[in-house]
Amino acid sequence: MTQIEEPARDPAHDLLVHWDYRRQPDGTRRKTPISLDGYAADLDRGLAGVREAFDNDWQSGVVAVSHARASAMASLLQELAIRLRPGTDAGPIDSDGTMARTAANLAAFLDSERTRSADGYE
């Protein structure tokens, strides 16, 4: 198995949890960083129009979240976990705010009336 050369990544602009692997004309793959804002924009596009497939069970307080929305939340939490890992020097990000808006929208969904239980527990 051939090792793919690891290019430099800038934590201020690039995602730390995933890489983009593009196939080259010669059949090899090239590993490139993914921008934070580009990744967040892709998540937003993927969530546009996603509807939860079933109603939440208001009586038991169980909340159902679509696979797409859960995957988006998980990927943002993975990125945060890498950035907060001891010894990682990620520093502040330089962003247009897309990543923050995506995270805020997901948080707002979790805090919305649709996800609150019938007993009022939040």
N, C-alpha and C. Protein backbone atom coordinates (compact mmCIF):
# COMPACT_ATOMS: atom_id res chain seq x y z
N MET A 1 0.84 -1.18 0.00
CA MET A 1 0.00 0.00 0.00
C MET A 1 0.89 1.24 0.00
N THR A 2 0.59 2.17 -0.86
CA THR A 2 1.38 3.37 -1.01
C THR A 2 0.96 4.42 0.00
N GLN A 3 1.93 5.06 0.62
CA GLN A 3 1.64 6.15 1.55
C GLN A 3 1.29 7.40 0.76
N ILE A 4 0.25 8.08 1.20
CA ILE A 4 -0.13 9.35 0.58
C ILE A 4 0.55 10.45 1.37
N GLU A 5 1.28 11.30 0.67
CA GLU A 5 2.00 12.38 1.33
C GLU A 5 1.03 13.31 2.04
N GLU A 6 1.37 13.67 3.26
CA GLU A 6 0.50 14.54 4.05
C GLU A 6 0.92 15.99 3.87
N PRO A 7 0.06 16.79 3.22
CA PRO A 7 0.39 18.20 3.04
C PRO A 7 0.22 19.00 4.34
N ALA A 8 0.76 20.18 4.34
CA ALA A 8 0.62 21.07 5.50
C ALA A 8 -0.84 21.52 5.62
N ARG A 9 -1.27 21.69 6.84
CA ARG A 9 -2.63 22.16 7.12
C ARG A 9 -2.53 23.36 8.03
N ASP A 10 -3.38 24.35 7.80
CA ASP A 10 -3.41 25.55 8.65
C ASP A 10 -4.64 25.46 9.54
N PRO A 11 -4.46 25.22 10.85
CA PRO A 11 -5.61 25.07 11.75
C PRO A 11 -6.50 26.30 11.81
N ALA A 12 -5.99 27.45 11.43
CA ALA A 12 -6.82 28.66 11.43
C ALA A 12 -7.85 28.64 10.30
N HIS A 13 -7.58 27.87 9.24
CA HIS A 13 -8.47 27.84 8.08
C HIS A 13 -8.99 26.46 7.72
N ASP A 14 -8.26 25.40 8.15
CA ASP A 14 -8.56 24.05 7.67
C ASP A 14 -9.12 23.15 8.75
N LEU A 15 -9.96 22.22 8.30
CA LEU A 15 -10.52 21.19 9.15
C LEU A 15 -9.40 20.26 9.61
N LEU A 16 -9.44 19.84 10.86
CA LEU A 16 -8.41 18.94 11.38
C LEU A 16 -8.87 17.48 11.41
N VAL A 17 -10.16 17.24 11.29
CA VAL A 17 -10.69 15.89 11.45
C VAL A 17 -10.73 15.10 10.14
N HIS A 18 -10.85 15.74 9.00
CA HIS A 18 -10.96 15.05 7.72
C HIS A 18 -10.02 15.65 6.68
N TRP A 19 -9.72 14.85 5.66
CA TRP A 19 -8.96 15.28 4.49
C TRP A 19 -9.82 15.04 3.26
N ASP A 20 -9.48 15.69 2.17
CA ASP A 20 -10.10 15.44 0.88
C ASP A 20 -9.11 14.61 0.08
N TYR A 21 -9.55 13.47 -0.43
CA TYR A 21 -8.70 12.60 -1.24
C TYR A 21 -9.20 12.65 -2.67
N ARG A 22 -8.48 13.35 -3.53
CA ARG A 22 -8.86 13.50 -4.94
C ARG A 22 -8.04 12.58 -5.81
N ARG A 23 -8.73 11.90 -6.71
CA ARG A 23 -8.04 11.04 -7.65
C ARG A 23 -7.43 11.90 -8.76
N GLN A 24 -6.17 11.66 -9.05
CA GLN A 24 -5.44 12.38 -10.07
C GLN A 24 -5.56 11.65 -11.41
N PRO A 25 -5.27 12.33 -12.53
CA PRO A 25 -5.35 11.69 -13.84
C PRO A 25 -4.49 10.43 -13.95
N ASP A 26 -3.39 10.38 -13.20
CA ASP A 26 -2.51 9.20 -13.27
C ASP A 26 -3.00 8.04 -12.40
N GLY A 27 -4.17 8.22 -11.74
CA GLY A 27 -4.75 7.17 -10.92
C GLY A 27 -4.39 7.24 -9.45
N THR A 28 -3.43 8.08 -9.10
CA THR A 28 -3.07 8.23 -7.69
C THR A 28 -4.07 9.16 -7.01
N ARG A 29 -4.02 9.18 -5.71
CA ARG A 29 -4.89 10.10 -4.96
C ARG A 29 -4.03 11.16 -4.30
N ARG A 30 -4.57 12.37 -4.29
CA ARG A 30 -3.88 13.48 -3.64
C ARG A 30 -4.67 13.90 -2.42
N LYS A 31 -4.00 14.01 -1.30
CA LYS A 31 -4.60 14.37 -0.03
C LYS A 31 -4.50 15.89 0.13
N THR A 32 -5.65 16.55 0.30
CA THR A 32 -5.64 18.00 0.46
C THR A 32 -6.51 18.40 1.65
N PRO A 33 -6.16 19.52 2.30
CA PRO A 33 -6.98 20.01 3.42
C PRO A 33 -8.36 20.47 2.95
N ILE A 34 -9.30 20.47 3.87
CA ILE A 34 -10.65 20.96 3.62
C ILE A 34 -10.81 22.24 4.45
N SER A 35 -11.30 23.29 3.82
CA SER A 35 -11.47 24.54 4.57
C SER A 35 -12.62 24.42 5.56
N LEU A 36 -12.48 25.06 6.71
CA LEU A 36 -13.54 25.06 7.73
C LEU A 36 -14.84 25.61 7.17
N ASP A 37 -14.75 26.75 6.51
CA ASP A 37 -15.96 27.39 5.98
C ASP A 37 -16.58 26.56 4.86
N GLY A 38 -15.74 25.97 4.02
CA GLY A 38 -16.26 25.12 2.94
C GLY A 38 -16.96 23.89 3.48
N TYR A 39 -16.39 23.29 4.52
CA TYR A 39 -16.99 22.11 5.14
C TYR A 39 -18.33 22.47 5.77
N ALA A 40 -18.37 23.57 6.49
CA ALA A 40 -19.62 24.00 7.13
C ALA A 40 -20.68 24.31 6.07
N ALA A 41 -20.28 24.93 4.98
CA ALA A 41 -21.23 25.22 3.89
C ALA A 41 -21.77 23.91 3.30
N ASP A 42 -20.90 22.90 3.16
CA ASP A 42 -21.36 21.59 2.68
C ASP A 42 -22.37 20.97 3.65
N LEU A 43 -22.10 21.10 4.96
CA LEU A 43 -23.05 20.59 5.95
C LEU A 43 -24.40 21.30 5.81
N ASP A 44 -24.36 22.63 5.67
CA ASP A 44 -25.60 23.39 5.51
C ASP A 44 -26.38 22.94 4.28
N ARG A 45 -25.67 22.76 3.16
CA ARG A 45 -26.34 22.31 1.93
C ARG A 45 -26.94 20.92 2.14
N GLY A 46 -26.22 20.06 2.84
CA GLY A 46 -26.72 18.72 3.09
C GLY A 46 -27.93 18.69 4.00
N LEU A 47 -28.04 19.68 4.87
CA LEU A 47 -29.17 19.73 5.80
C LEU A 47 -30.36 20.51 5.25
N ALA A 48 -30.16 21.23 4.16
CA ALA A 48 -31.25 22.01 3.58
C ALA A 48 -32.38 21.06 3.16
N GLY A 49 -33.51 21.27 3.71
CA GLY A 49 -34.66 20.46 3.35
C GLY A 49 -34.75 19.13 4.07
N VAL A 50 -33.78 18.81 4.94
CA VAL A 50 -33.87 17.56 5.69
C VAL A 50 -35.03 17.67 6.66
N ARG A 51 -35.85 16.67 6.64
CA ARG A 51 -36.97 16.64 7.57
C ARG A 51 -36.79 15.43 8.47
N GLU A 52 -37.12 15.61 9.71
CA GLU A 52 -37.06 14.47 10.62
C GLU A 52 -38.12 13.48 10.15
N ALA A 53 -37.76 12.23 10.05
CA ALA A 53 -38.63 11.23 9.43
C ALA A 53 -39.81 10.82 10.31
N PHE A 54 -39.77 11.15 11.58
CA PHE A 54 -40.84 10.74 12.47
C PHE A 54 -41.03 11.79 13.54
N ASP A 55 -42.24 11.80 14.10
CA ASP A 55 -42.53 12.76 15.16
C ASP A 55 -41.84 12.35 16.45
N ASN A 56 -41.49 13.33 17.23
CA ASN A 56 -40.91 13.05 18.53
C ASN A 56 -42.00 12.51 19.46
N ASP A 57 -41.63 11.63 20.36
CA ASP A 57 -42.57 11.04 21.30
C ASP A 57 -42.70 11.96 22.50
N TRP A 58 -43.71 12.81 22.46
CA TRP A 58 -43.87 13.84 23.49
C TRP A 58 -44.18 13.23 24.86
N GLN A 59 -44.78 12.06 24.89
CA GLN A 59 -45.16 11.45 26.17
C GLN A 59 -43.94 10.92 26.93
N SER A 60 -43.00 10.33 26.24
CA SER A 60 -41.84 9.75 26.92
C SER A 60 -40.67 10.71 27.00
N GLY A 61 -40.73 11.78 26.23
CA GLY A 61 -39.62 12.71 26.21
C GLY A 61 -38.51 12.29 25.27
N VAL A 62 -38.73 11.24 24.46
CA VAL A 62 -37.74 10.78 23.51
C VAL A 62 -37.77 11.69 22.29
N VAL A 63 -36.60 12.11 21.85
CA VAL A 63 -36.49 12.99 20.70
C VAL A 63 -35.77 12.24 19.58
N ALA A 64 -36.35 12.23 18.41
CA ALA A 64 -35.74 11.60 17.25
C ALA A 64 -35.07 12.66 16.39
N VAL A 65 -33.85 12.40 15.98
CA VAL A 65 -33.10 13.32 15.13
C VAL A 65 -32.69 12.55 13.88
N SER A 66 -32.80 13.17 12.72
CA SER A 66 -32.45 12.49 11.47
C SER A 66 -30.97 12.11 11.47
N HIS A 67 -30.65 11.10 10.67
CA HIS A 67 -29.26 10.66 10.53
C HIS A 67 -28.39 11.80 10.00
N ALA A 68 -28.91 12.56 9.05
CA ALA A 68 -28.14 13.67 8.46
C ALA A 68 -27.80 14.72 9.52
N ARG A 69 -28.77 15.07 10.34
CA ARG A 69 -28.54 16.08 11.38
C ARG A 69 -27.60 15.54 12.46
N ALA A 70 -27.78 14.28 12.85
CA ALA A 70 -26.90 13.67 13.86
C ALA A 70 -25.46 13.58 13.34
N SER A 71 -25.29 13.25 12.06
CA SER A 71 -23.95 13.16 11.47
C SER A 71 -23.28 14.53 11.44
N ALA A 72 -24.04 15.57 11.13
CA ALA A 72 -23.49 16.93 11.12
C ALA A 72 -23.03 17.32 12.51
N MET A 73 -23.85 17.03 13.51
CA MET A 73 -23.48 17.35 14.89
C MET A 73 -22.24 16.57 15.31
N ALA A 74 -22.19 15.30 14.95
CA ALA A 74 -21.04 14.46 15.32
C ALA A 74 -19.76 14.97 14.67
N SER A 75 -19.82 15.39 13.42
CA SER A 75 -18.61 15.87 12.75
C SER A 75 -18.09 17.16 13.38
N LEU A 76 -19.00 18.05 13.78
CA LEU A 76 -18.56 19.27 14.46
C LEU A 76 -17.97 18.97 15.84
N LEU A 77 -18.55 17.99 16.53
CA LEU A 77 -18.00 17.61 17.84
C LEU A 77 -16.64 16.92 17.69
N GLN A 78 -16.46 16.13 16.62
CA GLN A 78 -15.15 15.51 16.37
C GLN A 78 -14.10 16.58 16.15
N GLU A 79 -14.43 17.59 15.37
CA GLU A 79 -13.50 18.68 15.09
C GLU A 79 -13.15 19.40 16.39
N LEU A 80 -14.16 19.69 17.20
CA LEU A 80 -13.93 20.37 18.47
C LEU A 80 -13.04 19.51 19.38
N ALA A 81 -13.29 18.20 19.42
CA ALA A 81 -12.49 17.30 20.27
C ALA A 81 -11.02 17.32 19.86
N ILE A 82 -10.75 17.34 18.57
CA ILE A 82 -9.35 17.40 18.12
C ILE A 82 -8.72 18.72 18.52
N ARG A 83 -9.45 19.81 18.35
CA ARG A 83 -8.90 21.13 18.67
C ARG A 83 -8.68 21.31 20.17
N LEU A 84 -9.46 20.62 21.00
CA LEU A 84 -9.33 20.75 22.45
C LEU A 84 -8.42 19.70 23.08
N ARG A 85 -7.90 18.78 22.28
CA ARG A 85 -7.04 17.73 22.80
C ARG A 85 -5.77 18.35 23.38
N PRO A 86 -5.38 17.91 24.57
CA PRO A 86 -4.14 18.45 25.16
C PRO A 86 -2.96 18.28 24.21
N GLY A 87 -2.16 19.32 24.11
CA GLY A 87 -0.98 19.29 23.25
C GLY A 87 -1.23 19.75 21.83
N THR A 88 -2.49 19.94 21.45
CA THR A 88 -2.80 20.42 20.10
C THR A 88 -2.75 21.94 20.10
N ASP A 89 -1.96 22.48 19.20
CA ASP A 89 -1.84 23.94 19.09
C ASP A 89 -2.65 24.40 17.89
N ALA A 90 -3.98 24.47 18.06
CA ALA A 90 -4.85 24.86 16.96
C ALA A 90 -5.01 26.38 16.89
N GLY A 91 -5.04 27.04 18.02
CA GLY A 91 -5.21 28.49 18.03
C GLY A 91 -6.58 28.91 17.54
N PRO A 92 -6.80 30.22 17.42
CA PRO A 92 -8.10 30.72 16.94
C PRO A 92 -8.26 30.48 15.44
N ILE A 93 -9.52 30.39 15.01
CA ILE A 93 -9.76 30.19 13.58
C ILE A 93 -9.98 31.54 12.90
N ASP A 94 -9.70 31.57 11.62
CA ASP A 94 -9.92 32.73 10.78
C ASP A 94 -11.01 32.33 9.80
N SER A 95 -12.24 32.77 10.06
CA SER A 95 -13.40 32.26 9.36
C SER A 95 -14.32 33.39 8.95
N ASP A 96 -15.18 33.10 7.98
CA ASP A 96 -16.21 34.07 7.61
C ASP A 96 -17.47 33.89 8.47
N GLY A 97 -17.43 32.94 9.41
CA GLY A 97 -18.54 32.72 10.32
C GLY A 97 -19.45 31.57 9.93
N THR A 98 -19.18 30.92 8.81
CA THR A 98 -20.04 29.83 8.36
C THR A 98 -20.08 28.69 9.37
N MET A 99 -18.91 28.31 9.90
CA MET A 99 -18.85 27.22 10.87
C MET A 99 -19.65 27.57 12.13
N ALA A 100 -19.52 28.78 12.61
CA ALA A 100 -20.25 29.21 13.80
C ALA A 100 -21.76 29.22 13.54
N ARG A 101 -22.18 29.68 12.37
CA ARG A 101 -23.61 29.70 12.04
C ARG A 101 -24.16 28.29 11.96
N THR A 102 -23.41 27.38 11.37
CA THR A 102 -23.86 25.99 11.25
C THR A 102 -24.03 25.38 12.64
N ALA A 103 -23.06 25.57 13.51
CA ALA A 103 -23.15 25.04 14.87
C ALA A 103 -24.31 25.68 15.62
N ALA A 104 -24.50 26.98 15.46
CA ALA A 104 -25.60 27.68 16.13
C ALA A 104 -26.95 27.18 15.63
N ASN A 105 -27.08 26.91 14.34
CA ASN A 105 -28.33 26.39 13.78
C ASN A 105 -28.64 25.00 14.33
N LEU A 106 -27.61 24.16 14.44
CA LEU A 106 -27.82 22.82 15.00
C LEU A 106 -28.21 22.91 16.48
N ALA A 107 -27.57 23.81 17.21
CA ALA A 107 -27.91 24.01 18.62
C ALA A 107 -29.33 24.53 18.76
N ALA A 108 -29.73 25.45 17.89
CA ALA A 108 -31.09 26.00 17.94
C ALA A 108 -32.12 24.91 17.68
N PHE A 109 -31.81 24.00 16.76
CA PHE A 109 -32.72 22.88 16.50
C PHE A 109 -32.90 22.05 17.76
N LEU A 110 -31.78 21.73 18.43
CA LEU A 110 -31.87 20.92 19.65
C LEU A 110 -32.61 21.63 20.76
N ASP A 111 -32.57 22.95 20.76
CA ASP A 111 -33.24 23.73 21.80
C ASP A 111 -34.62 24.21 21.37
N SER A 112 -35.10 23.75 20.22
CA SER A 112 -36.39 24.23 19.71
C SER A 112 -37.55 23.53 20.39
N GLU A 113 -38.74 24.06 20.18
CA GLU A 113 -39.95 23.47 20.74
C GLU A 113 -40.14 22.03 20.25
N ARG A 114 -39.65 21.72 19.06
CA ARG A 114 -39.81 20.37 18.51
C ARG A 114 -39.08 19.33 19.31
N THR A 115 -38.04 19.74 20.04
CA THR A 115 -37.22 18.75 20.74
C THR A 115 -37.41 18.79 22.26
N ARG A 116 -38.36 19.56 22.72
CA ARG A 116 -38.60 19.61 24.17
C ARG A 116 -39.61 18.55 24.56
N SER A 117 -39.40 17.96 25.69
CA SER A 117 -40.30 16.89 26.12
C SER A 117 -41.61 17.45 26.69
N ALA A 118 -42.61 16.59 26.76
CA ALA A 118 -43.92 17.01 27.23
C ALA A 118 -43.92 17.39 28.70
N ASP A 119 -42.99 16.84 29.47
CA ASP A 119 -43.00 17.15 30.90
C ASP A 119 -42.28 18.46 31.23
N GLY A 120 -41.82 19.16 30.19
CA GLY A 120 -41.19 20.45 30.39
C GLY A 120 -39.71 20.38 30.71
N TYR A 121 -39.18 19.16 30.82
CA TYR A 121 -37.74 19.02 31.09
C TYR A 121 -36.97 19.48 29.87
N GLU A 122 -35.97 20.30 30.09
CA GLU A 122 -35.17 20.81 28.98
C GLU A 122 -33.74 20.39 29.14
